[in-house]
Amino acid sequence: MHNFTPEDLLLYLYNETSPAQTAQIKAALETDWSLREKFEVITSAQKRLEALKMTPSQQTIENILSYAEKAVAELTPQA
């Protein structure tokens, strides 16, 4: 039996696992109550997060854009 990590379950929740891994996790969830309990906690957290109406502050947006500009400048060859 494979030991799935919370990251594996999160990828499964968002349909980002391979078909083979999806089948393995699905089978494990049907037989392993502990894994199913962990998955239910993750699913519950996802639902609570989706219910929140959050938007980033303007300062946060500006910080992200500034960081992205610096990263692009570092990767762009200087003439």
C-alpha atoms as a PDB file:
ATOM      1  CA  MET A   1       0.000   0.000   0.000  1.00  0.00           C
ATOM      2  CA  HIS A   2       1.254   3.462  -0.900  1.00  0.00           C
ATOM      3  CA  ASN A   3       1.536   6.208   1.693  1.00  0.00           C
ATOM      4  CA  PHE A   4      -0.033   9.286   0.157  1.00  0.00           C
ATOM      5  CA  THR A   5       1.045  12.701   1.403  1.00  0.00           C
ATOM      6  CA  PRO A   6      -1.247  15.659   1.986  1.00  0.00           C
ATOM      7  CA  GLU A   7       0.278  17.123  -1.175  1.00  0.00           C
ATOM      8  CA  ASP A   8      -0.819  14.036  -3.123  1.00  0.00           C
ATOM      9  CA  LEU A   9      -4.342  14.445  -1.795  1.00  0.00           C
ATOM     10  CA  LEU A  10      -4.356  18.122  -2.690  1.00  0.00           C
ATOM     11  CA  LEU A  11      -3.254  17.348  -6.247  1.00  0.00           C
ATOM     12  CA  TYR A  12      -5.992  14.704  -6.426  1.00  0.00           C
ATOM     13  CA  LEU A  13      -8.585  17.178  -5.145  1.00  0.00           C
ATOM     14  CA  TYR A  14      -7.691  19.644  -7.908  1.00  0.00           C
ATOM     15  CA  ASN A  15      -7.498  16.907 -10.600  1.00  0.00           C
ATOM     16  CA  GLU A  16      -3.771  17.389 -11.090  1.00  0.00           C
ATOM     17  CA  THR A  17      -2.697  13.778 -10.653  1.00  0.00           C
ATOM     18  CA  SER A  18      -1.869  11.368 -13.454  1.00  0.00           C
ATOM     19  CA  PRO A  19      -4.560   8.848 -14.407  1.00  0.00           C
ATOM     20  CA  ALA A  20      -2.581   6.071 -12.686  1.00  0.00           C
ATOM     21  CA  GLN A  21      -2.114   8.057  -9.493  1.00  0.00           C
ATOM     22  CA  THR A  22      -5.763   9.131  -9.545  1.00  0.00           C
ATOM     23  CA  ALA A  23      -6.814   5.479  -9.677  1.00  0.00           C
ATOM     24  CA  GLN A  24      -4.445   4.566  -6.827  1.00  0.00           C
ATOM     25  CA  ILE A  25      -5.661   7.385  -4.593  1.00  0.00           C
ATOM     26  CA  LYS A  26      -9.302   6.654  -5.381  1.00  0.00           C
ATOM     27  CA  ALA A  27      -8.831   2.980  -4.488  1.00  0.00           C
ATOM     28  CA  ALA A  28      -6.977   3.885  -1.303  1.00  0.00           C
ATOM     29  CA  LEU A  29      -9.718   6.322  -0.255  1.00  0.00           C
ATOM     30  CA  GLU A  30     -12.280   3.526  -0.563  1.00  0.00           C
ATOM     31  CA  THR A  31     -10.381   1.209   1.790  1.00  0.00           C
ATOM     32  CA  ASP A  32      -8.263   3.381   4.103  1.00  0.00           C
ATOM     33  CA  TRP A  33     -10.417   5.245   6.636  1.00  0.00           C
ATOM     34  CA  SER A  34      -7.450   7.251   7.942  1.00  0.00           C
ATOM     35  CA  LEU A  35      -6.602   8.519   4.462  1.00  0.00           C
ATOM     36  CA  ARG A  36     -10.275   9.251   3.799  1.00  0.00           C
ATOM     37  CA  GLU A  37     -10.420  11.262   7.032  1.00  0.00           C
ATOM     38  CA  LYS A  38      -7.374  13.308   5.975  1.00  0.00           C
ATOM     39  CA  PHE A  39      -8.928  13.895   2.561  1.00  0.00           C
ATOM     40  CA  GLU A  40     -12.168  15.068   4.176  1.00  0.00           C
ATOM     41  CA  VAL A  41     -10.205  17.605   6.244  1.00  0.00           C
ATOM     42  CA  ILE A  42      -8.557  18.933   3.081  1.00  0.00           C
ATOM     43  CA  THR A  43     -11.885  19.031   1.237  1.00  0.00           C
ATOM     44  CA  SER A  44     -13.509  20.865   4.129  1.00  0.00           C
ATOM     45  CA  ALA A  45     -10.699  23.421   4.195  1.00  0.00           C
ATOM     46  CA  GLN A  46     -11.053  23.952   0.440  1.00  0.00           C
ATOM     47  CA  LYS A  47     -14.766  24.658   0.821  1.00  0.00           C
ATOM     48  CA  ARG A  48     -14.154  27.132   3.648  1.00  0.00           C
ATOM     49  CA  LEU A  49     -11.477  28.934   1.619  1.00  0.00           C
ATOM     50  CA  GLU A  50     -13.728  29.161  -1.429  1.00  0.00           C
ATOM     51  CA  ALA A  51     -16.458  30.703   0.732  1.00  0.00           C
ATOM     52  CA  LEU A  52     -14.196  33.577   1.767  1.00  0.00           C
ATOM     53  CA  LYS A  53     -14.516  36.697  -0.335  1.00  0.00           C
ATOM     54  CA  MET A  54     -10.954  37.947  -0.227  1.00  0.00           C
ATOM     55  CA  THR A  55      -9.064  40.327  -2.466  1.00  0.00           C
ATOM     56  CA  PRO A  56      -5.433  41.350  -2.098  1.00  0.00           C
ATOM     57  CA  SER A  57      -4.579  44.896  -1.073  1.00  0.00           C
ATOM     58  CA  GLN A  58      -3.248  47.304  -3.679  1.00  0.00           C
ATOM     59  CA  GLN A  59       0.137  47.232  -1.898  1.00  0.00           C
ATOM     60  CA  THR A  60       0.285  43.455  -2.244  1.00  0.00           C
ATOM     61  CA  ILE A  61      -0.470  43.674  -5.967  1.00  0.00           C
ATOM     62  CA  GLU A  62       2.210  46.337  -6.417  1.00  0.00           C
ATOM     63  CA  ASN A  63       4.761  44.218  -4.533  1.00  0.00           C
ATOM     64  CA  ILE A  64       4.045  41.214  -6.749  1.00  0.00           C
ATOM     65  CA  LEU A  65       4.321  43.270  -9.936  1.00  0.00           C
ATOM     66  CA  SER A  66       7.553  44.870  -8.726  1.00  0.00           C
ATOM     67  CA  TYR A  67       9.018  41.474  -7.920  1.00  0.00           C
ATOM     68  CA  ALA A  68       8.001  40.150 -11.339  1.00  0.00           C
ATOM     69  CA  GLU A  69       9.579  43.144 -13.086  1.00  0.00           C
ATOM     70  CA  LYS A  70      12.861  42.572 -11.235  1.00  0.00           C
ATOM     71  CA  ALA A  71      12.835  38.879 -12.116  1.00  0.00           C
ATOM     72  CA  VAL A  72      12.221  39.619 -15.793  1.00  0.00           C
ATOM     73  CA  ALA A  73      14.980  42.251 -15.793  1.00  0.00           C
ATOM     74  CA  GLU A  74      17.423  39.716 -14.299  1.00  0.00           C
ATOM     75  CA  LEU A  75      16.564  37.164 -16.979  1.00  0.00           C
ATOM     76  CA  THR A  76      16.657  39.604 -19.892  1.00  0.00           C
ATOM     77  CA  PRO A  77      20.095  39.863 -21.558  1.00  0.00           C
ATOM     78  CA  GLN A  78      21.524  43.350 -21.370  1.00  0.00           C
ATOM     79  CA  ALA A  79      22.630  44.878 -24.704  1.00  0.00           C
END
